[in-house]
Amino acid sequence: MPQLLLEIFSEEIPARMQAQAARDLERLIVGGLTDRGFLNEGARSFATPRRLALVIEGLPAQQSDVREERKGPKVDAPDAAIQGFLRSTGLTKDQLKVQKDPKGDFYLAVTERKGRPTPAVLAELIPDVIKSFPWPKSQRWGASDLTWVRPLHSILATFDGEVVPFEVGTVRSGNRSRGHRFLGNNEFEARRFEDYVEKLKRAHVILAAADRKAQILHDAKQLAHAQNLELIEDDGLTDEVAGLVE
């Protein structure tokens, strides 16, 4: 089934905010899709100093059709109650059905909504999440009303390999990203998560914070060993350093 790949690329995100931001991004996007009737086969989120990334596997190509039934007042209820029910449903009286009940006949409102293509739903959901993202502190820049933790540069958003088109402030979504600020800052194109991770790696970026942390510890131990020293591990410090480098 199709895959969603999302990357939000900005200036450097404070190290202390990255892990929670990755969790918030996953929670808000997955939750928004669930509220709209979408199930998935798994989601993973990531953070580096310059990016938040999310991959969701196994999304359907289209939203499921929805049929809702809403029980209204009795058929012989006062007209004011019936009119209030009609206003709340957006239907006319001749569109209501009658449901027989031991306590009397009731009006029943039946509404059916055709499922929308998944990219159309994503194109509405993702900007809403970005605009209302719960950063502890955020800033506004330029003439736009958009706020983000640091100035936003680009958004990579693909579904089943194709760009999900939308705009947030002055930033238009696409399928391009960048690697390390100094070692691999040229743009590259990515359509699927596997390709994205591999191209980041070639551009000197390790996407997963746990992998960056493991590499830092390994290299630090090797350097200490070469000087006949023993590394005194500090988990909090290593987490912070992993949030300062890509």
Protein backbone atom coordinates (compact mmCIF):
# COMPACT_ATOMS: atom_id res chain seq x y z
CA MET A 1 0.00 0.00 0.00
CA PRO A 2 1.12 3.61 -0.52
CA GLN A 3 3.56 5.42 1.77
CA LEU A 4 3.56 8.98 3.09
CA LEU A 5 6.96 10.68 3.37
CA LEU A 6 7.09 14.08 5.07
CA GLU A 7 10.07 16.26 5.93
CA ILE A 8 9.87 19.76 7.40
CA PHE A 9 13.21 21.48 6.90
CA SER A 10 14.25 24.60 8.80
CA GLU A 11 17.05 26.43 10.53
CA GLU A 12 18.53 24.63 13.57
CA ILE A 13 15.99 23.25 16.06
CA PRO A 14 17.17 23.45 19.70
CA ALA A 15 18.43 20.03 20.78
CA ARG A 16 16.14 19.90 23.82
CA MET A 17 13.02 20.27 21.61
CA GLN A 18 13.77 17.72 18.90
CA ALA A 19 12.60 14.42 20.42
CA GLN A 20 9.26 15.80 21.60
CA ALA A 21 8.72 17.58 18.29
CA ALA A 22 9.19 14.30 16.39
CA ARG A 23 6.67 12.60 18.67
CA ASP A 24 4.21 15.50 18.28
CA LEU A 25 4.48 15.38 14.49
CA GLU A 26 3.68 11.66 14.45
CA ARG A 27 0.85 12.05 16.96
CA LEU A 28 -0.82 14.93 15.14
CA ILE A 29 -0.58 13.53 11.61
CA VAL A 30 -1.54 9.96 12.55
CA GLY A 31 -4.29 11.23 14.83
CA GLY A 32 -5.65 13.53 12.14
CA LEU A 33 -5.71 10.69 9.63
CA THR A 34 -7.39 8.35 12.12
CA ASP A 35 -10.08 10.96 12.78
CA ARG A 36 -10.70 11.02 9.03
CA GLY A 37 -11.09 7.26 8.80
CA PHE A 38 -7.56 6.26 7.74
CA LEU A 39 -5.75 3.25 9.17
CA ASN A 40 -2.06 2.56 8.58
CA GLU A 41 0.49 -0.22 8.95
CA GLY A 42 3.03 1.77 10.97
CA ALA A 43 4.52 5.21 11.48
CA ARG A 44 8.02 6.42 12.43
CA SER A 45 9.21 9.94 13.16
CA PHE A 46 12.71 11.42 13.26
CA ALA A 47 14.50 14.64 14.16
CA THR A 48 17.85 16.17 13.29
CA PRO A 49 19.01 19.73 13.98
CA ARG A 50 17.48 20.95 10.70
CA ARG A 51 14.57 18.65 10.03
CA LEU A 52 11.55 16.77 11.34
CA ALA A 53 10.65 13.72 9.28
CA LEU A 54 7.78 11.23 9.28
CA VAL A 55 7.03 8.09 7.31
CA ILE A 56 3.65 6.34 7.43
CA GLU A 57 3.31 2.96 5.75
CA GLY A 58 0.24 1.28 4.33
CA LEU A 59 -2.17 4.17 3.87
CA PRO A 60 -5.09 3.53 1.50
CA ALA A 61 -5.22 5.46 -1.76
CA GLN A 62 -8.65 6.86 -0.88
CA GLN A 63 -10.71 7.65 2.17
CA SER A 64 -13.49 5.20 2.94
CA ASP A 65 -17.07 6.18 2.14
CA VAL A 66 -18.96 7.24 5.26
CA ARG A 67 -22.61 6.57 6.07
CA GLU A 68 -24.03 8.20 9.19
CA GLU A 69 -27.45 7.76 10.78
CA ARG A 70 -28.78 10.26 13.28
CA LYS A 71 -31.99 9.74 15.21
CA GLY A 72 -34.24 12.78 15.43
CA PRO A 73 -37.52 13.77 17.11
CA LYS A 74 -40.76 11.83 16.89
CA VAL A 75 -42.84 12.29 13.77
CA ASP A 76 -45.57 13.99 15.85
CA ALA A 77 -43.13 16.24 17.72
CA PRO A 78 -43.65 20.03 17.71
CA ASP A 79 -42.65 21.69 14.45
CA ALA A 80 -39.95 23.74 16.22
CA ALA A 81 -38.15 20.54 17.27
CA ILE A 82 -38.33 19.12 13.76
CA GLN A 83 -37.06 22.36 12.20
CA GLY A 84 -34.16 22.46 14.67
CA PHE A 85 -33.23 18.90 13.72
CA LEU A 86 -33.34 19.79 10.02
CA ARG A 87 -31.03 22.78 10.57
CA SER A 88 -28.52 20.64 12.47
CA THR A 89 -28.41 18.02 9.72
CA GLY A 90 -28.61 20.30 6.69
CA LEU A 91 -31.41 18.18 5.22
CA THR A 92 -34.95 18.94 4.17
CA LYS A 93 -37.97 17.20 5.65
CA ASP A 94 -38.58 15.09 2.57
CA GLN A 95 -35.00 13.76 2.82
CA LEU A 96 -35.60 12.29 6.28
CA LYS A 97 -36.50 8.66 6.77
CA VAL A 98 -38.99 7.35 9.32
CA GLN A 99 -37.83 4.75 11.82
CA LYS A 100 -40.46 2.70 13.57
CA ASP A 101 -39.95 2.27 17.30
CA PRO A 102 -42.06 0.70 20.11
CA LYS A 103 -42.25 4.18 21.63
CA GLY A 104 -43.41 5.77 18.40
CA ASP A 105 -42.12 6.67 14.95
CA PHE A 106 -38.97 8.80 14.78
CA TYR A 107 -37.35 10.78 12.03
CA LEU A 108 -33.96 9.47 10.92
CA ALA A 109 -31.33 11.51 9.08
CA VAL A 110 -29.06 9.44 6.84
CA THR A 111 -26.05 11.16 5.29
CA GLU A 112 -23.54 9.57 2.97
CA ARG A 113 -20.16 11.07 2.09
CA LYS A 114 -17.97 9.80 -0.70
CA GLY A 115 -14.39 9.14 0.35
CA ARG A 116 -11.81 11.63 -0.98
CA PRO A 117 -8.42 10.79 -2.52
CA THR A 118 -5.78 10.55 0.19
CA PRO A 119 -3.52 13.28 -1.29
CA ALA A 120 -6.41 15.76 -1.10
CA VAL A 121 -6.92 14.95 2.59
CA LEU A 122 -3.18 15.22 3.30
CA ALA A 123 -2.99 18.56 1.49
CA GLU A 124 -5.45 19.95 4.06
CA LEU A 125 -4.21 18.13 7.16
CA ILE A 126 -0.45 18.76 6.92
CA PRO A 127 -0.65 22.58 6.65
CA ASP A 128 -3.10 22.66 9.58
CA VAL A 129 -0.65 20.63 11.70
CA ILE A 130 2.30 22.85 10.76
CA LYS A 131 0.40 26.08 11.49
CA SER A 132 -0.75 24.89 14.92
CA PHE A 133 2.35 22.91 15.93
CA PRO A 134 2.90 22.96 19.73
CA TRP A 135 6.46 24.30 19.94
CA PRO A 136 7.43 25.53 23.44
CA LYS A 137 8.72 28.66 21.68
CA SER A 138 8.37 29.71 18.06
CA GLN A 139 9.10 32.73 15.90
CA ARG A 140 7.66 34.61 12.94
CA TRP A 141 9.84 35.94 10.13
CA GLY A 142 9.35 37.97 6.98
CA ALA A 143 5.89 39.14 5.94
CA SER A 144 4.15 35.81 6.56
CA ASP A 145 1.98 35.01 9.58
CA LEU A 146 3.52 31.54 9.76
CA THR A 147 5.34 30.69 12.98
CA TRP A 148 7.80 27.83 13.46
CA VAL A 149 10.57 27.10 15.91
CA ARG A 150 13.06 28.59 13.44
CA PRO A 151 12.62 29.95 9.88
CA LEU A 152 11.14 27.27 7.63
CA HIS A 153 12.97 26.56 4.36
CA SER A 154 11.23 23.66 2.62
CA ILE A 155 8.68 20.87 2.94
CA LEU A 156 9.10 17.49 1.29
CA ALA A 157 5.74 15.69 1.05
CA THR A 158 5.12 12.66 -1.15
CA PHE A 159 2.39 10.04 -1.20
CA ASP A 160 3.01 6.88 -3.19
CA GLY A 161 6.03 8.63 -4.70
CA GLU A 162 4.12 11.68 -5.96
CA VAL A 163 4.23 15.19 -4.51
CA VAL A 164 1.33 16.19 -2.25
CA PRO A 165 0.81 19.81 -3.37
CA PHE A 166 0.10 22.53 -0.80
CA GLU A 167 1.53 25.78 0.55
CA VAL A 168 2.31 26.89 4.10
CA GLY A 169 3.02 30.61 4.25
CA THR A 170 5.40 31.19 1.36
CA VAL A 171 6.73 27.60 1.34
CA ARG A 172 5.43 25.24 -1.36
CA SER A 173 5.70 21.47 -0.87
CA GLY A 174 7.89 19.40 -3.17
CA ASN A 175 10.12 16.34 -3.30
CA ARG A 176 13.52 17.91 -2.60
CA SER A 177 15.71 18.18 0.47
CA ARG A 178 19.31 18.93 1.48
CA GLY A 179 22.00 17.10 3.38
CA HIS A 180 24.61 18.34 5.86
CA ARG A 181 24.97 22.12 5.96
CA PHE A 182 28.70 22.01 5.10
CA LEU A 183 29.45 18.51 3.83
CA GLY A 184 26.47 17.80 1.56
CA ASN A 185 24.26 20.86 1.22
CA ASN A 186 23.30 20.34 -2.43
CA GLU A 187 19.62 19.61 -3.14
CA PHE A 188 18.50 16.07 -3.88
CA GLU A 189 15.18 14.53 -4.91
CA ALA A 190 13.45 11.84 -2.85
CA ARG A 191 10.12 10.13 -3.46
CA ARG A 192 10.16 7.26 -0.95
CA PHE A 193 11.56 6.83 2.55
CA GLU A 194 14.20 4.24 1.67
CA ASP A 195 15.60 6.47 -1.06
CA TYR A 196 15.42 9.50 1.24
CA VAL A 197 17.43 7.84 4.03
CA GLU A 198 20.08 6.58 1.62
CA LYS A 199 20.54 9.98 -0.03
CA LEU A 200 20.75 11.67 3.37
CA LYS A 201 23.44 9.20 4.38
CA ARG A 202 25.44 9.99 1.23
CA ALA A 203 25.01 13.69 2.10
CA HIS A 204 26.49 13.08 5.59
CA VAL A 205 23.24 13.06 7.57
CA ILE A 206 22.25 10.24 9.96
CA LEU A 207 18.47 10.58 10.26
CA ALA A 208 17.81 8.61 13.47
CA ALA A 209 18.96 10.29 16.69
CA ALA A 210 19.68 6.89 18.27
CA ASP A 211 22.07 6.06 15.42
CA ARG A 212 23.85 9.42 15.76
CA LYS A 213 24.20 8.85 19.49
CA ALA A 214 25.63 5.36 18.96
CA GLN A 215 28.15 6.71 16.43
CA ILE A 216 29.23 9.50 18.79
CA LEU A 217 29.76 7.05 21.67
CA HIS A 218 31.65 4.62 19.46
CA ASP A 219 34.01 7.28 18.15
CA ALA A 220 34.52 8.83 21.59
CA LYS A 221 35.45 5.43 23.05
CA GLN A 222 37.84 4.79 20.19
CA LEU A 223 39.55 8.16 20.68
CA ALA A 224 39.80 7.61 24.43
CA HIS A 225 41.19 4.09 23.96
CA ALA A 226 43.86 5.40 21.58
CA GLN A 227 45.12 7.62 24.43
CA ASN A 228 44.91 4.81 27.04
CA LEU A 229 41.92 6.54 28.62
CA GLU A 230 38.46 5.37 29.57
CA LEU A 231 35.39 7.34 28.54
CA ILE A 232 33.12 8.47 31.37
CA GLU A 233 29.69 8.22 29.75
CA ASP A 234 27.11 10.95 30.30
CA ASP A 235 23.77 9.95 28.73
CA GLY A 236 22.23 13.41 28.91
CA LEU A 237 25.29 15.03 27.34
CA THR A 238 25.38 12.43 24.57
CA ASP A 239 21.70 13.07 23.82
CA GLU A 240 22.40 16.79 23.59
CA VAL A 241 25.39 16.33 21.27
CA ALA A 242 23.32 14.02 19.05
CA GLY A 243 20.86 16.91 18.79
CA LEU A 244 23.57 19.39 17.81
CA VAL A 245 25.02 17.45 14.86
CA GLU A 246 23.51 15.73 11.86
